[in-house]
Structures are given as structure tokens and as C-alpha cells.
Amino acid sequence: MGRNKNIRSTDLRSEFEKDYHRIIGSASFRRLQDKTQVFPLDKSDFIRTRLTHSLEVSSFAKSLGQNIGENILVYKKDADFTQGMKEDICSILQCAGLIHDIGNPPFGHFGETAIREWFKRRLPELLYHGIPVEQALTPQMREDFYHFEGNAQALRLVTKLHFLVDEQGMNLTYALLHTIVKYPVSSTQINKESGNIKDKKMGYYYADTDIFEDIVKETGTNGCRHPLTYILEAADDIAYKTADIEDAFVKGFLTYYKLLEELRALQEEQEAENVSFRPADKLMELYERGKEKCAENPEEYAVKNWIVRVQGFLINCATYGFTSNYAAIMAGEYKDDLFAGTFADKLMELLGSLAYREVFTTDTIYRMEVAEAAMIDFLMDKFVTAAIKYDDEKEKPDSIDRRMISFISSNYKRAYHYHAKDKTETEKLYLRLLLVTDYVCGMTDSYAKRLYQELKAIV
């Protein structure tokens, strides 16, 4: 972070290219291969993990950077924009795609929900020096846990928890760090009714305020979203909304005919809009092509090839969304995502709705999530109870508490002690609670399940 760019070296990589190698070589990135995207602990080689999802986002983000950068150059949208800048934004976006989900806990987005709900349920009950933990914390500290976010955890992970050469984590560039901060507001500044996408969720913890302020100062964004964040978010949306449909089809949650039915309804709704990409017609065309080619499963041929065509269409729409709103985005005044007002807007909405109705609200997924919640709740109970007493002069941990703390990575505990130095007792309590979320978020799905079974003495 803020690396010295004046040191002479035979290494010809740009600072942004060095970011890429730091990420690829990290244990946190490798752990994404055993973290859920949609289907937890799935045995199939096809179904996506957080790692494969992140690679797809990285690829889409870089492609969008190339398209948008070329558009800015060709149409001279910015006199100061150069070919070198285009190459740099592609490198930044490629890296941002790799780490945008690196802070997520095990069991996908439901893991985030389970942790948030655990804090809301248990912080008013757990005691610290005779008073509820909820009351011992400041409002922002408390809201950090009640609005727990993988996005904020990602920033924390790459800046503080990779305690290797120094205390600067992975030592990534400021531009990259700001790109992954989707929501440049604290937990007490969340405002879902503001109409501005940047206010929807928390982007950084109270503990990381100093880092966030350094990032804002160095990038000059003045509390607004970084322009590249819009591109990263569009790449993420393209990746997960199309992948969820493909995975749902492969797993048998969604049929070719159900997808066709939904796309026909959307196409009829958009008839008057003169949309060039007709999703239902394209799906049927690919189905007929699959039959002509004597594909073993023409439905599968159609759906998988349709996904590829849709991704190309969405990349074009996101490119248009950025370049047509270039001035507002650069001024920090743009409030929507890149698909708003484009032909892709309703299609993206449909893909999300379809996955929600056909996959995420099914008994199969609900059963998985109930089991996941039981694991998260148990681990949080055990580790937070121990952490409250850890490094506390007045309240000593018992034998089980000491053993629970011993399980936590020495790297995370070292980072805790470094950042807790000279802090108040309230701040130390807050940092100890973060120590638990740091550890839990670092777990893979398999490790969380295995640790739960071992501690519950489940053979």
C-alpha cells in the first residue's frame, strides 16, 4: 500500500502488475477454492466456487476495462486519458476481480447473514465486566457487527491481516484498494433510501477508518465511489447472474423450457423498445442448432451457448453505461449501476429473480442453509465467549476459553496485538470481536464443517 515507486529495479512490471502476483501467491486467495458460491460443499467439478467465480469476475472486469478504455481513446472523451492509463485500469480491474470476495466467510452470502444475525441476537446477551457487550461498544463499533459485510472484511484482510513483511498487509496500491470498496460509507452512514448505490451497505470497519481515509486522500475521490468500482460491480453482476442460471440448469433446478418461458415474457414486454438482442429467439435458435449438430442434449447445448451470448451482450451494455455517463461518474455524481437505463436492465433483473425463485428459495437450499447456520452459530458462540476474556486484565478465561483462543491463527493474533497496542479497553474488546470474525471469515467451508464436528464430538 503506497509502495515506493522511485526505487530503481530491473523488474519492469508496473505497480499494478505486482499487485496481481501478490494476490495470486496469497493463502487467502487459494482458500477461495473451498468456499461456496451457491451450492455449499458440492461434490461436482462443474459447480462454481468462490475461486472460479473470482476468476470469471477478473476476466470480465479486464474485458470491460479494455472496451471502455478504447472507447475513451477513440471518441476522445478525456484529453488526458492515454494508452498507458488504459493498460493500468485493465491491470487494476483484473486484480480487483480476484479479491472482491476474498473477505467472505464460509457458506457464501448466507454465511454473512448468519454472522450478522448472530451478533444481533447475542451481543445484547453476552456480558463484559457485568454489562451487555452491546452497551460496552460505541454506536459505530456495534453497527459494524450488526451490518457485518464481506466487502468491509475484504479491505481489512488485504490491508491488515496478511502480516508478512510489515503491517501493511498485501501492500497493494491505493487505486486497487479503492476499487474494491463498493460502498465508501461507515456502518453508521448506511442509507438504503438515499437513492445512491454507494450508501447501500458498509464499506469499511471503524477499526480500518485510518486506512480508508488514506485511500480517499491518495485517490482524491472525496468520499465518492472510485470510477473503476462501477466497472468491477458490473463484472461481478455479469458473472454471478449468468453463472447462477447455468449452475441451476446443471443441478436440475431450472429447465430449458422454464428459462425459455421467462425469456419469452420479457421479450414480449420489450417488443416496443427495439432491443437488438432478443433473448428468447436466441435461446430457441441455439436449441435448433444443437439438434442440427446432433448434440446429445440440445437443451444443454442451447443454455450453455446462450449464456456466452448473453455475457457478450451484457459487456456491451455495461460499456455503454459507463461511457455514456462518463462525466457524471468521474465527478462522483452517478448514483446507479452501469446497467440502469440500458437494454440489459430488465434482463439482469429477470436473471436475478429467476435464480432466487428457482434456486435460493427451494427446500434443498434452505436445508443446507439451516445446517450452515447451526455451524456458524456454534463456532461464533465458542470463539466470541473466549475472545471477550482474552487479553483482559479483569476477567480471566477458563480452560476451554484458552483452548478456543489457541485455535485462532497466530498471524491474526499477532495482528490483533499490534493494532490493540495503546488502545482503550473498549477498543480492545471491539478488536477481539473482530479477531473472531477475522478467523471465521478465513475458514473454508470444509474447515468450518470439520471444526464444528470435532468440537461437537461428532464422529
Protein backbone atom coordinates (compact mmCIF):
# COMPACT_ATOMS: atom_id res chain seq x y z
CA MET A 1 0.00 0.00 0.00
CA GLY A 2 1.59 3.25 -1.08
CA ARG A 3 4.73 1.43 -2.24
CA ASN A 4 7.80 3.47 -3.14
CA LYS A 5 7.77 3.88 -6.91
CA ASN A 6 11.20 5.55 -7.11
CA ILE A 7 13.38 2.55 -6.26
CA ARG A 8 15.46 1.56 -9.29
CA SER A 9 14.98 -2.04 -10.32
CA THR A 10 15.33 -4.40 -13.25
CA ASP A 11 11.74 -5.51 -12.57
CA LEU A 12 9.77 -3.99 -15.45
CA ARG A 13 6.34 -4.76 -14.04
CA SER A 14 4.09 -1.83 -13.18
CA GLU A 15 2.99 -1.44 -9.56
CA PHE A 16 -0.45 -2.69 -10.60
CA GLU A 17 1.03 -5.80 -12.22
CA LYS A 18 2.93 -6.50 -8.99
CA ASP A 19 -0.41 -6.42 -7.16
CA TYR A 20 -1.53 -9.35 -9.30
CA HIS A 21 1.39 -11.56 -8.22
CA ARG A 22 0.96 -10.64 -4.55
CA ILE A 23 -2.67 -11.74 -4.73
CA ILE A 24 -2.10 -14.97 -6.66
CA GLY A 25 0.56 -16.05 -4.19
CA SER A 26 -1.56 -15.44 -1.09
CA ALA A 27 -3.10 -18.15 1.07
CA SER A 28 -6.35 -16.17 1.28
CA PHE A 29 -6.77 -16.35 -2.48
CA ARG A 30 -6.06 -20.08 -2.53
CA ARG A 31 -8.69 -20.67 0.15
CA LEU A 32 -11.38 -19.39 -2.22
CA GLN A 33 -11.24 -22.77 -3.98
CA ASP A 34 -13.08 -24.28 -0.99
CA LYS A 35 -15.65 -21.56 -0.40
CA THR A 36 -19.23 -21.63 -1.61
CA GLN A 37 -20.60 -19.59 -4.46
CA VAL A 38 -24.14 -21.03 -4.45
CA PHE A 39 -24.03 -24.76 -3.66
CA PRO A 40 -22.08 -25.43 -0.43
CA LEU A 41 -19.79 -28.46 -0.13
CA ASP A 42 -20.81 -29.61 -3.61
CA LYS A 43 -19.00 -32.68 -4.96
CA SER A 44 -19.35 -31.73 -8.63
CA ASP A 45 -16.31 -30.49 -10.54
CA PHE A 46 -18.54 -28.24 -12.62
CA ILE A 47 -20.26 -26.13 -9.96
CA ARG A 48 -18.55 -22.82 -9.26
CA THR A 49 -16.63 -21.99 -6.11
CA ARG A 50 -15.60 -18.52 -4.90
CA LEU A 51 -12.30 -19.06 -6.69
CA THR A 52 -13.78 -19.83 -10.11
CA HIS A 53 -16.30 -17.01 -9.64
CA SER A 54 -13.48 -14.59 -8.80
CA LEU A 55 -11.51 -15.66 -11.87
CA GLU A 56 -14.60 -15.05 -14.03
CA VAL A 57 -15.14 -11.60 -12.49
CA SER A 58 -11.47 -10.80 -13.05
CA SER A 59 -11.79 -11.78 -16.71
CA PHE A 60 -14.98 -9.78 -17.29
CA ALA A 61 -13.57 -6.76 -15.43
CA LYS A 62 -10.44 -6.73 -17.57
CA SER A 63 -12.52 -7.06 -20.76
CA LEU A 64 -14.72 -4.17 -19.67
CA GLY A 65 -11.62 -2.11 -18.93
CA GLN A 66 -10.32 -2.77 -22.42
CA ASN A 67 -13.64 -1.89 -24.06
CA ILE A 68 -14.19 1.25 -22.00
CA GLY A 69 -10.59 2.41 -22.26
CA GLU A 70 -10.62 2.00 -26.03
CA ASN A 71 -13.91 3.88 -26.29
CA ILE A 72 -12.50 6.80 -24.29
CA LEU A 73 -9.44 6.92 -26.56
CA VAL A 74 -11.28 6.57 -29.88
CA TYR A 75 -14.02 9.08 -29.09
CA LYS A 76 -11.65 11.42 -27.20
CA LYS A 77 -13.87 11.58 -24.13
CA ASP A 78 -10.93 12.69 -21.98
CA ALA A 79 -7.95 14.60 -23.37
CA ASP A 80 -5.74 13.42 -20.50
CA PHE A 81 -6.50 9.72 -20.97
CA THR A 82 -3.62 7.74 -22.52
CA GLN A 83 -2.93 4.22 -23.80
CA GLY A 84 -0.83 3.63 -20.69
CA MET A 85 -3.80 4.53 -18.48
CA LYS A 86 -5.93 2.02 -20.36
CA GLU A 87 -3.37 -0.70 -19.64
CA ASP A 88 -3.23 0.31 -15.97
CA ILE A 89 -7.00 0.22 -15.46
CA CYS A 90 -7.11 -3.23 -17.05
CA SER A 91 -4.48 -4.43 -14.56
CA ILE A 92 -6.31 -2.84 -11.62
CA LEU A 93 -9.64 -4.36 -12.65
CA GLN A 94 -8.10 -7.77 -13.22
CA CYS A 95 -6.73 -7.70 -9.65
CA ALA A 96 -9.93 -6.26 -8.17
CA GLY A 97 -11.91 -9.15 -9.64
CA LEU A 98 -9.61 -11.62 -7.91
CA ILE A 99 -10.02 -10.11 -4.42
CA HIS A 100 -13.54 -8.63 -4.45
CA ASP A 101 -14.89 -11.63 -2.46
CA ILE A 102 -11.71 -12.53 -0.58
CA GLY A 103 -13.18 -11.45 2.76
CA ASN A 104 -16.35 -13.52 2.52
CA PRO A 105 -16.97 -16.12 5.25
CA PRO A 106 -17.65 -19.81 4.56
CA PHE A 107 -21.02 -20.83 3.07
CA GLY A 108 -21.43 -17.91 0.68
CA HIS A 109 -23.61 -14.88 1.25
CA PHE A 110 -25.72 -16.84 3.72
CA GLY A 111 -22.61 -17.04 5.90
CA GLU A 112 -22.66 -13.23 6.08
CA THR A 113 -26.34 -13.28 7.02
CA ALA A 114 -25.76 -15.90 9.72
CA ILE A 115 -22.94 -13.85 11.29
CA ARG A 116 -24.98 -10.64 11.23
CA GLU A 117 -27.96 -12.34 12.83
CA TRP A 118 -25.76 -13.99 15.45
CA PHE A 119 -24.43 -10.59 16.56
CA LYS A 120 -27.91 -9.05 16.72
CA ARG A 121 -29.14 -11.95 18.81
CA ARG A 122 -26.17 -12.48 21.11
CA LEU A 123 -24.43 -9.13 21.76
CA PRO A 124 -27.30 -7.92 23.98
CA GLU A 125 -26.98 -11.19 25.98
CA LEU A 126 -23.22 -11.66 26.39
CA LEU A 127 -21.63 -9.81 29.30
CA TYR A 128 -18.42 -7.81 29.51
CA HIS A 129 -17.45 -6.68 33.02
CA GLY A 130 -21.06 -7.15 34.11
CA ILE A 131 -22.77 -5.22 31.29
CA PRO A 132 -24.06 -6.41 27.90
CA VAL A 133 -21.38 -6.30 25.21
CA GLU A 134 -23.79 -4.30 23.07
CA GLN A 135 -23.72 -1.48 25.65
CA ALA A 136 -19.95 -1.66 26.13
CA LEU A 137 -19.30 -0.78 22.48
CA THR A 138 -19.63 2.62 20.81
CA PRO A 139 -22.52 3.00 18.30
CA GLN A 140 -20.25 2.57 15.26
CA MET A 141 -18.50 -0.46 16.75
CA ARG A 142 -21.85 -2.07 17.45
CA GLU A 143 -23.24 -1.26 13.99
CA ASP A 144 -20.13 -2.74 12.37
CA PHE A 145 -21.19 -6.15 13.69
CA TYR A 146 -24.90 -5.67 13.07
CA HIS A 147 -24.11 -4.80 9.43
CA PHE A 148 -21.25 -7.27 9.02
CA GLU A 149 -20.13 -7.32 5.38
CA GLY A 150 -17.75 -9.39 3.30
CA ASN A 151 -16.91 -6.20 1.39
CA ALA A 152 -15.55 -4.49 4.51
CA GLN A 153 -13.80 -7.70 5.52
CA ALA A 154 -12.02 -7.84 2.15
CA LEU A 155 -10.46 -4.41 2.73
CA ARG A 156 -9.44 -5.44 6.24
CA LEU A 157 -7.97 -8.72 5.08
CA VAL A 158 -5.71 -7.34 2.36
CA THR A 159 -4.54 -4.32 4.38
CA LYS A 160 -4.09 -5.71 7.90
CA LEU A 161 -4.32 -9.47 8.16
CA HIS A 162 -1.55 -10.51 5.80
CA PHE A 163 1.01 -9.67 8.45
CA LEU A 164 4.08 -10.73 6.48
CA VAL A 165 6.80 -8.21 5.59
CA ASP A 166 5.22 -5.36 7.57
CA GLU A 167 1.91 -4.19 8.98
CA GLN A 168 0.58 -3.11 5.56
CA GLY A 169 -0.97 -6.47 4.65
CA MET A 170 -0.51 -7.36 0.99
CA ASN A 171 0.85 -3.86 0.37
CA LEU A 172 -1.48 -3.25 -2.56
CA THR A 173 -1.80 0.02 -4.47
CA TYR A 174 -4.32 2.65 -3.35
CA ALA A 175 -6.16 2.56 -6.68
CA LEU A 176 -6.80 -1.18 -6.31
CA LEU A 177 -7.86 -0.84 -2.68
CA HIS A 178 -10.38 1.88 -3.51
CA THR A 179 -11.76 -0.11 -6.43
CA ILE A 180 -12.84 -2.95 -4.09
CA VAL A 181 -14.55 -0.55 -1.66
CA LYS A 182 -18.00 -0.79 -3.23
CA TYR A 183 -19.65 1.27 -0.52
CA PRO A 184 -17.45 4.15 0.73
CA VAL A 185 -19.50 4.70 3.90
CA SER A 186 -19.25 3.50 7.50
CA SER A 187 -21.83 1.34 9.26
CA THR A 188 -23.50 4.43 10.77
CA GLN A 189 -23.76 6.14 7.36
CA ILE A 190 -25.73 3.40 5.59
CA ASN A 191 -28.81 4.86 3.94
CA LYS A 192 -30.71 2.50 1.66
CA GLU A 193 -33.27 5.20 0.92
CA SER A 194 -30.78 7.78 -0.38
CA GLY A 195 -31.14 6.68 -3.99
CA ASN A 196 -27.36 6.45 -4.29
CA ILE A 197 -25.93 2.96 -4.76
CA LYS A 198 -22.82 3.83 -2.71
CA ASP A 199 -24.86 4.14 0.51
CA LYS A 200 -26.46 0.67 0.43
CA LYS A 201 -24.00 -1.16 2.68
CA MET A 202 -20.96 -0.67 4.87
CA GLY A 203 -17.60 -0.43 3.09
CA TYR A 204 -15.14 -0.36 5.97
CA TYR A 205 -14.97 -1.05 9.71
CA TYR A 206 -14.35 1.54 12.40
CA ALA A 207 -11.03 -0.25 13.02
CA ASP A 208 -9.97 0.47 9.43
CA THR A 209 -11.03 4.12 9.26
CA ASP A 210 -7.43 5.30 9.07
CA ILE A 211 -6.76 3.09 6.06
CA PHE A 212 -9.95 4.18 4.33
CA GLU A 213 -9.10 7.85 4.88
CA ASP A 214 -5.60 7.30 3.46
CA ILE A 215 -7.11 5.64 0.39
CA VAL A 216 -9.54 8.50 -0.15
CA LYS A 217 -6.79 11.09 0.27
CA GLU A 218 -4.39 9.36 -2.13
CA THR A 219 -7.02 8.71 -4.83
CA GLY A 220 -8.77 12.07 -4.47
CA THR A 221 -12.27 10.63 -4.55
CA ASN A 222 -13.55 12.76 -1.66
CA GLY A 223 -15.81 10.03 -0.25
CA CYS A 224 -17.33 9.10 -3.64
CA ARG A 225 -17.05 5.76 -5.36
CA HIS A 226 -13.89 5.17 -7.36
CA PRO A 227 -14.84 5.16 -11.09
CA LEU A 228 -13.42 1.66 -11.53
CA THR A 229 -15.73 0.36 -8.79
CA TYR A 230 -18.67 0.70 -11.19
CA ILE A 231 -16.84 -1.49 -13.69
CA LEU A 232 -15.92 -4.08 -11.07
CA GLU A 233 -19.52 -4.25 -9.86
CA ALA A 234 -20.81 -4.70 -13.42
CA ALA A 235 -18.32 -7.54 -13.96
CA ASP A 236 -19.47 -9.17 -10.72
CA ASP A 237 -23.12 -8.83 -11.73
CA ILE A 238 -22.49 -10.35 -15.15
CA ALA A 239 -20.52 -13.23 -13.67
CA TYR A 240 -22.86 -14.30 -10.89
CA LYS A 241 -26.18 -13.68 -12.62
CA THR A 242 -25.26 -15.74 -15.67
CA ALA A 243 -23.37 -18.36 -13.66
CA ASP A 244 -26.31 -18.85 -11.27
CA ILE A 245 -28.54 -19.67 -14.25
CA GLU A 246 -26.01 -22.11 -15.71
CA ASP A 247 -25.35 -23.81 -12.37
CA ALA A 248 -29.09 -24.00 -11.67
CA PHE A 249 -29.62 -25.73 -15.01
CA VAL A 250 -26.79 -28.21 -14.44
CA LYS A 251 -28.07 -29.04 -10.94
CA GLY A 252 -31.61 -29.59 -12.23
CA PHE A 253 -33.25 -26.60 -10.53
CA LEU A 254 -34.04 -24.89 -13.83
CA THR A 255 -35.12 -26.41 -17.16
CA TYR A 256 -34.58 -25.16 -20.67
CA TYR A 257 -38.35 -24.77 -21.05
CA LYS A 258 -38.74 -22.71 -17.87
CA LEU A 259 -35.94 -20.40 -18.97
CA LEU A 260 -37.50 -20.06 -22.43
CA GLU A 261 -40.90 -19.26 -20.93
CA GLU A 262 -39.45 -16.48 -18.77
CA LEU A 263 -37.43 -15.03 -21.64
CA ARG A 264 -40.44 -15.01 -23.95
CA ALA A 265 -42.41 -12.96 -21.44
CA LEU A 266 -39.54 -10.47 -21.17
CA GLN A 267 -39.13 -10.30 -24.94
CA GLU A 268 -42.84 -9.56 -25.44
CA GLU A 269 -42.59 -6.82 -22.81
CA GLN A 270 -39.68 -5.22 -24.70
CA GLU A 271 -41.12 -5.53 -28.23
CA ALA A 272 -41.73 -1.78 -28.49
CA GLU A 273 -38.22 -0.92 -27.31
CA ASN A 274 -36.48 -2.23 -30.45
CA VAL A 275 -33.93 -4.23 -28.47
CA SER A 276 -31.35 -5.76 -30.82
CA PHE A 277 -30.70 -8.80 -28.59
CA ARG A 278 -33.81 -10.99 -28.43
CA PRO A 279 -33.05 -13.48 -25.63
CA ALA A 280 -35.88 -15.97 -26.26
CA ASP A 281 -35.28 -16.10 -30.00
CA LYS A 282 -31.55 -16.63 -29.43
CA LEU A 283 -32.20 -19.49 -26.99
CA MET A 284 -34.56 -21.22 -29.47
CA GLU A 285 -32.10 -20.67 -32.32
CA LEU A 286 -29.35 -22.35 -30.30
CA TYR A 287 -31.66 -25.23 -29.40
CA GLU A 288 -32.35 -25.85 -33.11
CA ARG A 289 -28.64 -25.62 -33.85
CA GLY A 290 -27.98 -28.19 -31.13
CA LYS A 291 -30.45 -30.58 -32.79
CA GLU A 292 -28.86 -30.00 -36.20
CA LYS A 293 -25.46 -30.83 -34.74
CA CYS A 294 -26.95 -33.97 -33.18
CA ALA A 295 -25.96 -32.79 -29.74
CA GLU A 296 -26.62 -35.44 -27.11
CA ASN A 297 -28.58 -32.88 -25.10
CA PRO A 298 -29.78 -29.95 -27.27
CA GLU A 299 -31.28 -28.22 -24.21
CA GLU A 300 -27.88 -28.18 -22.51
CA TYR A 301 -26.19 -27.06 -25.73
CA ALA A 302 -28.68 -24.20 -26.02
CA VAL A 303 -28.45 -22.98 -22.40
CA LYS A 304 -24.67 -23.07 -22.17
CA ASN A 305 -24.15 -21.34 -25.51
CA TRP A 306 -26.87 -18.83 -24.68
CA ILE A 307 -25.01 -17.88 -21.51
CA VAL A 308 -21.94 -17.00 -23.60
CA ARG A 309 -24.02 -14.84 -25.98
CA VAL A 310 -25.70 -13.07 -23.06
CA GLN A 311 -22.38 -12.30 -21.43
CA GLY A 312 -21.18 -10.58 -24.61
CA PHE A 313 -24.41 -8.56 -24.78
CA LEU A 314 -24.09 -7.53 -21.12
CA ILE A 315 -20.46 -6.46 -21.58
CA ASN A 316 -21.55 -4.19 -24.44
CA CYS A 317 -24.36 -2.70 -22.33
CA ALA A 318 -22.07 -2.07 -19.34
CA THR A 319 -19.54 -0.42 -21.67
CA TYR A 320 -22.29 1.88 -22.94
CA GLY A 321 -23.48 2.52 -19.38
CA PHE A 322 -20.03 3.75 -18.33
CA THR A 323 -19.08 5.74 -21.42
CA SER A 324 -22.49 7.44 -21.76
CA ASN A 325 -22.32 8.54 -18.11
CA TYR A 326 -18.58 9.24 -18.12
CA ALA A 327 -18.74 12.83 -16.90
CA ALA A 328 -21.08 12.05 -14.01
CA ILE A 329 -19.04 9.01 -12.95
CA MET A 330 -15.77 10.95 -12.97
CA ALA A 331 -17.38 13.78 -10.99
CA GLY A 332 -18.66 11.31 -8.38
CA GLU A 333 -22.28 12.17 -9.16
CA TYR A 334 -23.53 8.94 -10.78
CA LYS A 335 -25.90 7.07 -8.45
CA ASP A 336 -26.83 3.86 -10.31
CA ASP A 337 -25.17 0.74 -11.65
CA LEU A 338 -23.94 0.58 -15.25
CA PHE A 339 -26.98 -1.34 -16.50
CA ALA A 340 -29.51 1.30 -15.45
CA GLY A 341 -31.24 2.73 -18.48
CA THR A 342 -29.69 0.22 -20.89
CA PHE A 343 -31.36 -2.63 -22.79
CA ALA A 344 -29.80 -5.04 -20.29
CA ASP A 345 -31.54 -3.58 -17.24
CA LYS A 346 -34.65 -5.77 -17.34
CA LEU A 347 -32.76 -8.88 -18.43
CA MET A 348 -30.43 -8.57 -15.43
CA GLU A 349 -33.43 -8.14 -13.17
CA LEU A 350 -35.04 -11.27 -14.64
CA LEU A 351 -31.91 -13.40 -14.24
CA GLY A 352 -31.64 -12.44 -10.58
CA SER A 353 -35.33 -13.06 -9.94
CA LEU A 354 -35.26 -16.40 -11.73
CA ALA A 355 -32.32 -17.68 -9.69
CA TYR A 356 -33.98 -16.51 -6.49
CA ARG A 357 -37.30 -18.21 -7.28
CA GLU A 358 -35.95 -21.44 -8.75
CA VAL A 359 -32.87 -21.98 -6.57
CA PHE A 360 -32.44 -19.84 -3.48
CA THR A 361 -35.93 -20.38 -2.06
CA THR A 362 -36.07 -24.14 -2.58
CA ASP A 363 -36.18 -26.70 0.23
CA THR A 364 -32.82 -28.07 -0.88
CA ILE A 365 -31.03 -24.75 -0.38
CA TYR A 366 -32.99 -23.93 2.78
CA ARG A 367 -31.93 -27.25 4.34
CA MET A 368 -28.30 -26.51 3.52
CA GLU A 369 -28.57 -23.01 4.98
CA VAL A 370 -30.18 -24.18 8.22
CA ALA A 371 -27.28 -26.63 8.68
CA GLU A 372 -24.77 -23.89 7.84
CA ALA A 373 -26.37 -21.52 10.36
CA ALA A 374 -26.04 -24.18 13.07
CA MET A 375 -22.31 -24.46 12.34
CA ILE A 376 -21.75 -20.69 12.23
CA ASP A 377 -23.76 -20.14 15.44
CA PHE A 378 -21.82 -22.79 17.35
CA LEU A 379 -18.41 -21.50 16.23
CA MET A 380 -19.34 -17.89 16.96
CA ASP A 381 -20.64 -18.82 20.42
CA LYS A 382 -17.47 -20.66 21.35
CA PHE A 383 -14.94 -18.19 19.92
CA VAL A 384 -16.64 -14.94 20.96
CA THR A 385 -17.17 -16.15 24.53
CA ALA A 386 -13.45 -16.90 24.70
CA ALA A 387 -12.40 -13.69 22.93
CA ILE A 388 -14.28 -11.44 25.35
CA LYS A 389 -11.99 -12.64 28.15
CA TYR A 390 -8.83 -12.86 26.05
CA ASP A 391 -6.17 -10.21 26.79
CA ASP A 392 -8.39 -8.80 29.57
CA GLU A 393 -6.90 -7.92 32.97
CA LYS A 394 -10.14 -8.17 34.94
CA GLU A 395 -11.75 -11.31 33.54
CA LYS A 396 -9.57 -14.36 33.05
CA PRO A 397 -10.52 -17.08 30.53
CA ASP A 398 -11.21 -20.61 31.75
CA SER A 399 -9.50 -23.73 30.41
CA ILE A 400 -11.91 -24.16 27.46
CA ASP A 401 -11.67 -20.47 26.54
CA ARG A 402 -7.88 -20.71 26.45
CA ARG A 403 -8.06 -23.71 24.16
CA MET A 404 -10.51 -21.97 21.83
CA ILE A 405 -8.19 -18.96 21.51
CA SER A 406 -5.27 -21.29 20.79
CA PHE A 407 -7.05 -22.47 17.62
CA ILE A 408 -7.02 -18.96 16.14
CA SER A 409 -4.21 -18.28 13.68
CA SER A 410 -1.10 -16.84 15.34
CA ASN A 411 -0.93 -14.46 12.38
CA TYR A 412 -4.35 -13.00 13.27
CA LYS A 413 -3.47 -12.81 16.97
CA ARG A 414 -0.22 -11.03 16.15
CA ALA A 415 -2.15 -8.51 14.05
CA TYR A 416 -4.59 -8.04 16.95
CA HIS A 417 -1.84 -7.29 19.45
CA TYR A 418 -0.12 -4.91 17.04
CA HIS A 419 -3.30 -2.88 16.46
CA ALA A 420 -4.53 -3.12 20.10
CA LYS A 421 -1.39 -1.51 21.47
CA ASP A 422 -2.20 1.68 23.45
CA LYS A 423 -5.93 1.32 22.71
CA THR A 424 -8.72 1.79 25.27
CA GLU A 425 -10.41 -1.22 26.87
CA THR A 426 -13.48 -0.65 24.69
CA GLU A 427 -11.38 -0.59 21.55
CA LYS A 428 -9.58 -3.75 22.61
CA LEU A 429 -12.92 -5.52 23.19
CA TYR A 430 -14.04 -4.43 19.73
CA LEU A 431 -10.79 -5.66 18.16
CA ARG A 432 -11.17 -9.02 19.92
CA LEU A 433 -14.62 -9.43 18.40
CA LEU A 434 -13.08 -8.61 15.03
CA LEU A 435 -10.39 -11.20 15.77
CA VAL A 436 -13.15 -13.81 15.82
CA THR A 437 -14.75 -12.64 12.56
CA ASP A 438 -11.27 -12.47 11.01
CA TYR A 439 -10.70 -16.10 11.93
CA VAL A 440 -14.16 -17.34 10.95
CA CYS A 441 -14.05 -15.50 7.62
CA GLY A 442 -10.69 -17.10 6.91
CA MET A 443 -12.21 -20.57 7.21
CA THR A 444 -13.06 -22.62 4.15
CA ASP A 445 -16.39 -24.45 4.02
CA SER A 446 -14.71 -27.79 4.68
CA TYR A 447 -12.65 -26.50 7.59
CA ALA A 448 -15.65 -24.84 9.25
CA LYS A 449 -17.65 -28.06 8.96
CA ARG A 450 -14.76 -30.20 10.19
CA LEU A 451 -14.01 -27.94 13.17
CA TYR A 452 -17.69 -27.88 14.11
CA GLN A 453 -17.85 -31.68 14.02
CA GLU A 454 -14.67 -32.05 16.05
CA LEU A 455 -15.74 -29.61 18.75
CA LYS A 456 -19.20 -31.18 18.93
CA ALA A 457 -17.55 -34.63 19.16
CA ILE A 458 -19.44 -35.76 16.07
CA VAL A 459 -17.72 -38.89 14.75
